[in-house]
């Protein structure tokens, strides 16, 4: 049988471990799921992309900068070559407008806060506004 002193140490330690495991669960697990399903094949598990084909998502202005531009890329795809950090990427990215506003917000929030990135979240309202903006452009 465990003595009282050992129990008085183990119980708080176990509670602390439970709390830590609960708080270390990703806040944006849906974003990670969407990323794995639709983005990882091209942009890779680590967000590094593929040389000359698919751009990295690590510390780039495309990811960390203007949210509406980033949302627009997901909604409309991208067919023009782009240059990032002196390297040109030529692979076409298909539109993912079929994703819900929530899924797009979640995956972009995931990307903007993963791979060493530290940028603000994208909200479903921002995605909806950009989607509406895109449909009213002539």
N, C-alpha and C. Protein backbone atom coordinates (compact mmCIF):
# COMPACT_ATOMS: atom_id res chain seq x y z
N UNK A 1 0.85 -1.18 0.00
CA UNK A 1 0.00 0.00 0.00
C UNK A 1 0.89 1.24 0.00
N UNK A 2 0.50 2.24 -0.76
CA UNK A 2 1.26 3.47 -0.84
C UNK A 2 1.10 4.28 0.43
N UNK A 3 2.18 4.88 0.85
CA UNK A 3 2.05 5.72 2.05
C UNK A 3 1.44 7.07 1.70
N UNK A 4 0.96 7.76 2.70
CA UNK A 4 0.23 9.03 2.50
C UNK A 4 1.09 10.08 1.82
N UNK A 5 2.37 10.13 2.16
CA UNK A 5 3.25 11.14 1.56
C UNK A 5 3.38 10.92 0.05
N UNK A 6 3.56 9.68 -0.34
CA UNK A 6 3.69 9.35 -1.76
C UNK A 6 2.39 9.68 -2.49
N UNK A 7 1.25 9.34 -1.89
CA UNK A 7 -0.05 9.65 -2.50
C UNK A 7 -0.22 11.16 -2.63
N UNK A 8 0.20 11.90 -1.61
CA UNK A 8 0.05 13.36 -1.66
C UNK A 8 0.91 13.99 -2.75
N UNK A 9 1.92 13.30 -3.19
CA UNK A 9 2.76 13.79 -4.30
C UNK A 9 2.21 13.30 -5.64
N UNK A 10 1.80 12.04 -5.71
CA UNK A 10 1.36 11.45 -6.97
C UNK A 10 0.03 12.02 -7.47
N UNK A 11 -0.92 12.25 -6.58
CA UNK A 11 -2.24 12.72 -7.00
C UNK A 11 -2.14 14.09 -7.69
N UNK A 12 -1.49 15.08 -7.08
CA UNK A 12 -1.36 16.36 -7.78
C UNK A 12 -0.56 16.25 -9.08
N UNK A 13 0.45 15.39 -9.10
CA UNK A 13 1.25 15.19 -10.30
C UNK A 13 0.39 14.61 -11.42
N UNK A 14 -0.43 13.62 -11.10
CA UNK A 14 -1.33 13.03 -12.10
C UNK A 14 -2.33 14.06 -12.61
N UNK A 15 -2.88 14.87 -11.74
CA UNK A 15 -3.81 15.91 -12.15
C UNK A 15 -3.13 16.91 -13.08
N UNK A 16 -1.92 17.28 -12.76
CA UNK A 16 -1.16 18.20 -13.59
C UNK A 16 -0.93 17.60 -14.98
N UNK A 17 -0.60 16.32 -15.03
CA UNK A 17 -0.38 15.65 -16.31
C UNK A 17 -1.65 15.64 -17.15
N UNK A 18 -2.79 15.40 -16.52
CA UNK A 18 -4.06 15.42 -17.24
C UNK A 18 -4.34 16.81 -17.79
N UNK A 19 -4.12 17.84 -16.99
CA UNK A 19 -4.34 19.21 -17.44
C UNK A 19 -3.43 19.57 -18.60
N UNK A 20 -2.18 19.17 -18.51
CA UNK A 20 -1.23 19.47 -19.58
C UNK A 20 -1.64 18.76 -20.86
N UNK A 21 -2.05 17.51 -20.77
CA UNK A 21 -2.43 16.79 -21.98
C UNK A 21 -3.69 17.39 -22.60
N UNK A 22 -4.59 17.90 -21.80
CA UNK A 22 -5.80 18.53 -22.34
C UNK A 22 -5.47 19.84 -23.03
N UNK A 23 -4.58 20.62 -22.47
CA UNK A 23 -4.27 21.92 -23.05
C UNK A 23 -3.31 21.81 -24.22
N UNK A 24 -2.63 20.68 -24.37
CA UNK A 24 -1.72 20.56 -25.50
C UNK A 24 -2.40 20.02 -26.75
N UNK A 25 -3.67 19.68 -26.65
CA UNK A 25 -4.43 19.26 -27.81
C UNK A 25 -4.57 20.45 -28.75
N UNK A 26 -4.32 20.26 -30.04
CA UNK A 26 -4.41 21.39 -30.96
C UNK A 26 -5.78 22.06 -30.90
N UNK A 27 -5.77 23.39 -30.83
CA UNK A 27 -7.02 24.15 -30.81
C UNK A 27 -7.73 24.07 -32.15
N UNK A 28 -6.97 23.83 -33.18
CA UNK A 28 -7.53 23.86 -34.52
C UNK A 28 -7.38 22.49 -35.17
N UNK A 29 -7.94 21.47 -34.53
CA UNK A 29 -7.78 20.12 -35.07
C UNK A 29 -8.47 19.96 -36.42
N UNK A 30 -9.60 20.66 -36.67
CA UNK A 30 -10.24 20.59 -37.97
C UNK A 30 -9.32 21.17 -39.05
N UNK A 31 -8.61 22.23 -38.74
CA UNK A 31 -7.67 22.81 -39.70
C UNK A 31 -6.59 21.82 -40.09
N UNK A 32 -6.09 21.07 -39.12
CA UNK A 32 -5.08 20.05 -39.40
C UNK A 32 -5.65 18.93 -40.26
N UNK A 33 -6.89 18.55 -40.00
CA UNK A 33 -7.55 17.51 -40.79
C UNK A 33 -7.73 17.98 -42.23
N UNK A 34 -8.21 19.19 -42.42
CA UNK A 34 -8.40 19.74 -43.77
C UNK A 34 -7.05 19.84 -44.48
N UNK A 35 -6.03 20.29 -43.76
CA UNK A 35 -4.69 20.39 -44.34
C UNK A 35 -4.21 19.03 -44.83
N UNK A 36 -4.33 18.02 -43.97
CA UNK A 36 -3.88 16.67 -44.36
C UNK A 36 -4.66 16.16 -45.57
N UNK A 37 -5.94 16.46 -45.65
CA UNK A 37 -6.76 15.95 -46.73
C UNK A 37 -6.55 16.67 -48.06
N UNK A 38 -6.38 17.99 -48.02
CA UNK A 38 -6.38 18.76 -49.26
C UNK A 38 -5.07 19.48 -49.59
N UNK A 39 -4.20 19.69 -48.63
CA UNK A 39 -3.03 20.54 -48.85
C UNK A 39 -1.69 19.81 -48.76
N UNK A 40 -1.64 18.81 -47.90
CA UNK A 40 -0.37 18.19 -47.56
C UNK A 40 0.32 17.54 -48.76
N UNK A 41 -0.43 16.98 -49.67
CA UNK A 41 0.18 16.30 -50.81
C UNK A 41 1.10 17.25 -51.59
N UNK A 42 0.69 18.49 -51.74
CA UNK A 42 1.50 19.45 -52.49
C UNK A 42 2.45 20.25 -51.61
N UNK A 43 1.96 20.67 -50.45
CA UNK A 43 2.76 21.55 -49.59
C UNK A 43 3.55 20.79 -48.53
N UNK A 44 3.38 19.47 -48.47
CA UNK A 44 4.12 18.56 -47.61
C UNK A 44 3.72 18.69 -46.14
N UNK A 45 4.04 17.67 -45.38
CA UNK A 45 3.67 17.61 -43.96
C UNK A 45 4.30 18.73 -43.15
N UNK A 46 5.50 19.15 -43.58
CA UNK A 46 6.20 20.20 -42.84
C UNK A 46 5.97 21.59 -43.41
N UNK A 47 5.13 21.70 -44.45
CA UNK A 47 4.83 23.00 -45.05
C UNK A 47 5.93 23.53 -45.95
N UNK A 48 6.94 22.71 -46.25
CA UNK A 48 8.09 23.17 -47.03
C UNK A 48 7.84 23.21 -48.53
N UNK A 49 6.74 22.63 -49.01
CA UNK A 49 6.45 22.63 -50.43
C UNK A 49 7.39 21.73 -51.21
N UNK A 50 7.39 21.89 -52.54
CA UNK A 50 8.23 21.11 -53.43
C UNK A 50 8.93 22.08 -54.37
N UNK A 51 10.24 22.03 -54.41
CA UNK A 51 11.04 22.97 -55.21
C UNK A 51 10.51 23.10 -56.63
N UNK A 52 10.38 24.34 -57.08
CA UNK A 52 9.94 24.72 -58.42
C UNK A 52 8.50 24.35 -58.76
N UNK A 53 7.80 23.68 -57.86
CA UNK A 53 6.42 23.28 -58.14
C UNK A 53 5.44 23.92 -57.18
N UNK A 54 5.53 23.56 -55.91
CA UNK A 54 4.55 23.99 -54.92
C UNK A 54 5.25 24.79 -53.83
N UNK A 55 4.81 26.02 -53.62
CA UNK A 55 5.53 26.91 -52.71
C UNK A 55 5.46 26.48 -51.25
N UNK A 56 6.47 26.91 -50.49
CA UNK A 56 6.45 26.65 -49.06
C UNK A 56 5.40 27.52 -48.37
N UNK A 57 4.97 27.07 -47.23
CA UNK A 57 4.02 27.82 -46.41
C UNK A 57 4.70 28.34 -45.15
N UNK A 58 6.00 28.30 -45.14
CA UNK A 58 6.80 28.66 -43.97
C UNK A 58 7.31 30.10 -44.10
N UNK A 59 6.87 30.95 -43.18
CA UNK A 59 7.38 32.32 -43.08
C UNK A 59 7.39 33.06 -44.41
N UNK A 60 6.30 32.97 -45.17
CA UNK A 60 6.21 33.71 -46.43
C UNK A 60 5.16 34.80 -46.31
N UNK A 61 5.32 35.84 -47.09
CA UNK A 61 4.35 36.93 -47.09
C UNK A 61 2.99 36.45 -47.58
N UNK A 62 2.97 35.45 -48.44
CA UNK A 62 1.70 34.91 -48.92
C UNK A 62 0.88 34.33 -47.77
N UNK A 63 1.55 33.72 -46.81
CA UNK A 63 0.86 33.11 -45.66
C UNK A 63 0.66 34.13 -44.54
N UNK A 64 1.68 34.88 -44.23
CA UNK A 64 1.64 35.78 -43.08
C UNK A 64 1.01 37.13 -43.40
N UNK A 65 0.92 37.47 -44.67
CA UNK A 65 0.43 38.79 -45.07
C UNK A 65 -1.07 38.89 -45.18
N UNK A 66 -1.51 39.55 -46.22
CA UNK A 66 -2.92 39.88 -46.46
C UNK A 66 -3.80 38.63 -46.45
N UNK A 67 -4.72 38.58 -45.50
CA UNK A 67 -5.62 37.42 -45.39
C UNK A 67 -6.51 37.29 -46.62
N UNK A 68 -7.00 38.39 -47.14
CA UNK A 68 -7.93 38.30 -48.28
C UNK A 68 -7.24 37.70 -49.49
N UNK A 69 -5.97 38.00 -49.70
CA UNK A 69 -5.23 37.40 -50.82
C UNK A 69 -5.11 35.89 -50.62
N UNK A 70 -4.79 35.49 -49.40
CA UNK A 70 -4.64 34.07 -49.09
C UNK A 70 -5.97 33.33 -49.23
N UNK A 71 -7.03 33.93 -48.73
CA UNK A 71 -8.37 33.35 -48.89
C UNK A 71 -8.71 33.24 -50.37
N UNK A 72 -8.38 34.27 -51.14
CA UNK A 72 -8.63 34.27 -52.58
C UNK A 72 -7.90 33.13 -53.29
N UNK A 73 -6.70 32.82 -52.86
CA UNK A 73 -5.95 31.71 -53.47
C UNK A 73 -6.69 30.40 -53.23
N UNK A 74 -7.19 30.20 -52.03
CA UNK A 74 -7.93 28.97 -51.74
C UNK A 74 -9.23 28.93 -52.53
N UNK A 75 -9.93 30.04 -52.60
CA UNK A 75 -11.21 30.07 -53.31
C UNK A 75 -11.05 29.95 -54.82
N UNK A 76 -10.05 30.60 -55.39
CA UNK A 76 -9.91 30.68 -56.84
C UNK A 76 -8.82 29.80 -57.42
N UNK A 77 -7.96 29.28 -56.58
CA UNK A 77 -6.80 28.57 -57.08
C UNK A 77 -5.76 29.57 -57.55
N UNK A 78 -4.71 29.06 -58.17
CA UNK A 78 -3.63 29.93 -58.63
C UNK A 78 -2.99 29.25 -59.84
N UNK A 79 -2.96 29.95 -60.96
CA UNK A 79 -2.38 29.34 -62.16
C UNK A 79 -1.12 30.06 -62.63
N UNK A 80 -0.91 31.29 -62.19
CA UNK A 80 0.28 32.02 -62.60
C UNK A 80 1.47 31.61 -61.74
N UNK A 81 2.66 31.58 -62.34
CA UNK A 81 3.85 31.32 -61.52
C UNK A 81 4.00 32.41 -60.46
N UNK A 82 4.47 32.02 -59.30
CA UNK A 82 4.74 33.00 -58.25
C UNK A 82 6.18 32.83 -57.77
N UNK A 83 6.74 33.94 -57.30
CA UNK A 83 8.10 33.91 -56.77
C UNK A 83 8.05 34.11 -55.26
N UNK A 84 8.71 33.21 -54.57
CA UNK A 84 8.82 33.29 -53.12
C UNK A 84 10.27 33.05 -52.75
N UNK A 85 10.83 33.99 -52.02
CA UNK A 85 12.22 33.90 -51.58
C UNK A 85 13.18 33.61 -52.73
N UNK A 86 12.92 34.25 -53.87
CA UNK A 86 13.81 34.12 -55.02
C UNK A 86 13.60 32.87 -55.84
N UNK A 87 12.67 32.02 -55.48
CA UNK A 87 12.40 30.80 -56.23
C UNK A 87 11.02 30.89 -56.88
N UNK A 88 10.94 30.46 -58.13
CA UNK A 88 9.68 30.51 -58.87
C UNK A 88 8.98 29.16 -58.77
N UNK A 89 7.67 29.23 -58.49
CA UNK A 89 6.85 28.03 -58.36
C UNK A 89 5.80 28.08 -59.46
N UNK A 90 5.69 27.00 -60.23
CA UNK A 90 4.89 27.00 -61.45
C UNK A 90 3.68 26.07 -61.41
N UNK A 91 3.56 25.23 -60.42
CA UNK A 91 2.45 24.27 -60.41
C UNK A 91 1.13 24.99 -60.19
N UNK A 92 0.10 24.55 -60.86
CA UNK A 92 -1.23 25.12 -60.73
C UNK A 92 -1.86 24.61 -59.43
N UNK A 93 -2.47 25.52 -58.69
CA UNK A 93 -3.24 25.11 -57.52
C UNK A 93 -4.71 25.22 -57.89
N UNK A 94 -5.44 24.14 -57.70
CA UNK A 94 -6.87 24.12 -58.01
C UNK A 94 -7.65 24.93 -56.99
N UNK A 95 -8.80 25.41 -57.42
CA UNK A 95 -9.72 26.08 -56.50
C UNK A 95 -10.22 25.08 -55.47
N UNK A 96 -10.39 25.57 -54.26
CA UNK A 96 -10.98 24.76 -53.18
C UNK A 96 -12.23 25.45 -52.66
N UNK A 97 -12.93 26.13 -53.57
CA UNK A 97 -14.14 26.86 -53.19
C UNK A 97 -15.26 25.93 -52.72
N UNK A 98 -15.12 24.65 -52.97
CA UNK A 98 -16.12 23.69 -52.51
C UNK A 98 -16.07 23.49 -51.00
N UNK A 99 -14.96 23.89 -50.37
CA UNK A 99 -14.86 23.80 -48.91
C UNK A 99 -15.76 24.85 -48.26
N UNK A 100 -16.26 24.54 -47.09
CA UNK A 100 -17.10 25.50 -46.37
C UNK A 100 -16.26 26.67 -45.88
N UNK A 101 -16.92 27.76 -45.58
CA UNK A 101 -16.22 28.92 -45.01
C UNK A 101 -15.48 28.51 -43.73
N UNK A 102 -16.11 27.68 -42.92
CA UNK A 102 -15.49 27.22 -41.68
C UNK A 102 -14.23 26.40 -41.97
N UNK A 103 -14.30 25.47 -42.93
CA UNK A 103 -13.14 24.65 -43.26
C UNK A 103 -11.98 25.51 -43.79
N UNK A 104 -12.30 26.48 -44.64
CA UNK A 104 -11.24 27.35 -45.18
C UNK A 104 -10.63 28.18 -44.05
N UNK A 105 -11.48 28.73 -43.19
CA UNK A 105 -10.97 29.51 -42.05
C UNK A 105 -10.09 28.63 -41.17
N UNK A 106 -10.53 27.42 -40.91
CA UNK A 106 -9.76 26.52 -40.04
C UNK A 106 -8.42 26.15 -40.65
N UNK A 107 -8.40 25.80 -41.95
CA UNK A 107 -7.14 25.38 -42.54
C UNK A 107 -6.17 26.56 -42.67
N UNK A 108 -6.70 27.74 -42.99
CA UNK A 108 -5.80 28.90 -43.09
C UNK A 108 -5.30 29.33 -41.72
N UNK A 109 -6.13 29.22 -40.72
CA UNK A 109 -5.68 29.49 -39.35
C UNK A 109 -4.60 28.49 -38.96
N UNK A 110 -4.80 27.24 -39.31
CA UNK A 110 -3.80 26.20 -39.04
C UNK A 110 -2.48 26.54 -39.72
N UNK A 111 -2.53 26.88 -41.00
CA UNK A 111 -1.31 27.20 -41.74
C UNK A 111 -0.64 28.45 -41.17
N UNK A 112 -1.43 29.47 -40.84
CA UNK A 112 -0.87 30.72 -40.32
C UNK A 112 -0.30 30.59 -38.91
N UNK A 113 -0.59 29.45 -38.24
CA UNK A 113 -0.07 29.26 -36.89
C UNK A 113 0.77 27.98 -36.76
N UNK A 114 1.13 27.38 -37.89
CA UNK A 114 1.95 26.17 -37.90
C UNK A 114 3.24 26.44 -38.66
N UNK A 115 4.12 25.46 -38.64
CA UNK A 115 5.37 25.52 -39.41
C UNK A 115 6.24 26.71 -38.99
N UNK A 116 6.12 27.14 -37.75
CA UNK A 116 6.87 28.29 -37.26
C UNK A 116 6.20 29.62 -37.55
N UNK A 117 5.04 29.60 -38.19
CA UNK A 117 4.30 30.83 -38.49
C UNK A 117 3.57 31.31 -37.24
N UNK A 118 3.46 32.59 -37.10
CA UNK A 118 2.72 33.19 -36.00
C UNK A 118 1.92 34.36 -36.54
N UNK A 119 0.76 34.05 -37.10
CA UNK A 119 -0.11 35.08 -37.65
C UNK A 119 -1.51 34.89 -37.09
N UNK A 120 -2.30 35.92 -37.20
CA UNK A 120 -3.65 35.89 -36.64
C UNK A 120 -4.54 34.88 -37.36
N UNK A 121 -5.59 34.50 -36.67
CA UNK A 121 -6.55 33.53 -37.19
C UNK A 121 -7.35 34.12 -38.35
N UNK A 122 -7.88 33.25 -39.16
CA UNK A 122 -8.82 33.61 -40.21
C UNK A 122 -10.20 33.17 -39.73
N UNK A 123 -11.17 34.02 -39.87
CA UNK A 123 -12.51 33.70 -39.40
C UNK A 123 -13.41 33.28 -40.56
N UNK A 124 -14.44 32.51 -40.26
CA UNK A 124 -15.39 32.15 -41.32
C UNK A 124 -16.05 33.39 -41.93
N UNK A 125 -16.22 34.43 -41.14
CA UNK A 125 -16.81 35.68 -41.65
C UNK A 125 -15.90 36.34 -42.68
N UNK A 126 -14.58 36.27 -42.46
CA UNK A 126 -13.64 36.82 -43.44
C UNK A 126 -13.69 36.02 -44.73
N UNK A 127 -13.80 34.71 -44.61
CA UNK A 127 -13.90 33.87 -45.81
C UNK A 127 -15.19 34.17 -46.55
N UNK A 128 -16.31 34.27 -45.82
CA UNK A 128 -17.59 34.56 -46.44
C UNK A 128 -17.55 35.91 -47.16
N UNK A 129 -16.96 36.90 -46.53
CA UNK A 129 -16.86 38.23 -47.14
C UNK A 129 -16.04 38.17 -48.42
N UNK A 130 -14.94 37.44 -48.39
CA UNK A 130 -14.11 37.32 -49.59
C UNK A 130 -14.83 36.52 -50.67
N UNK A 131 -15.55 35.50 -50.28
CA UNK A 131 -16.32 34.71 -51.24
C UNK A 131 -17.38 35.58 -51.92
N UNK A 132 -18.06 36.40 -51.14
CA UNK A 132 -19.06 37.32 -51.69
C UNK A 132 -18.40 38.35 -52.58
N UNK A 133 -17.25 38.85 -52.16
CA UNK A 133 -16.49 39.82 -52.95
C UNK A 133 -16.10 39.23 -54.30
N UNK A 134 -15.70 37.97 -54.31
CA UNK A 134 -15.28 37.29 -55.54
C UNK A 134 -16.45 37.14 -56.51
N UNK A 135 -17.65 36.89 -55.98
CA UNK A 135 -18.79 36.67 -56.87
C UNK A 135 -19.33 37.98 -57.45
N UNK A 136 -18.94 39.11 -56.87
CA UNK A 136 -19.42 40.40 -57.37
C UNK A 136 -18.41 41.12 -58.24
N UNK A 137 -17.28 40.47 -58.51
CA UNK A 137 -16.26 41.06 -59.37
C UNK A 137 -16.62 40.75 -60.82
N UNK A 138 -16.60 41.78 -61.65
CA UNK A 138 -16.94 41.58 -63.08
C UNK A 138 -15.75 41.13 -63.87
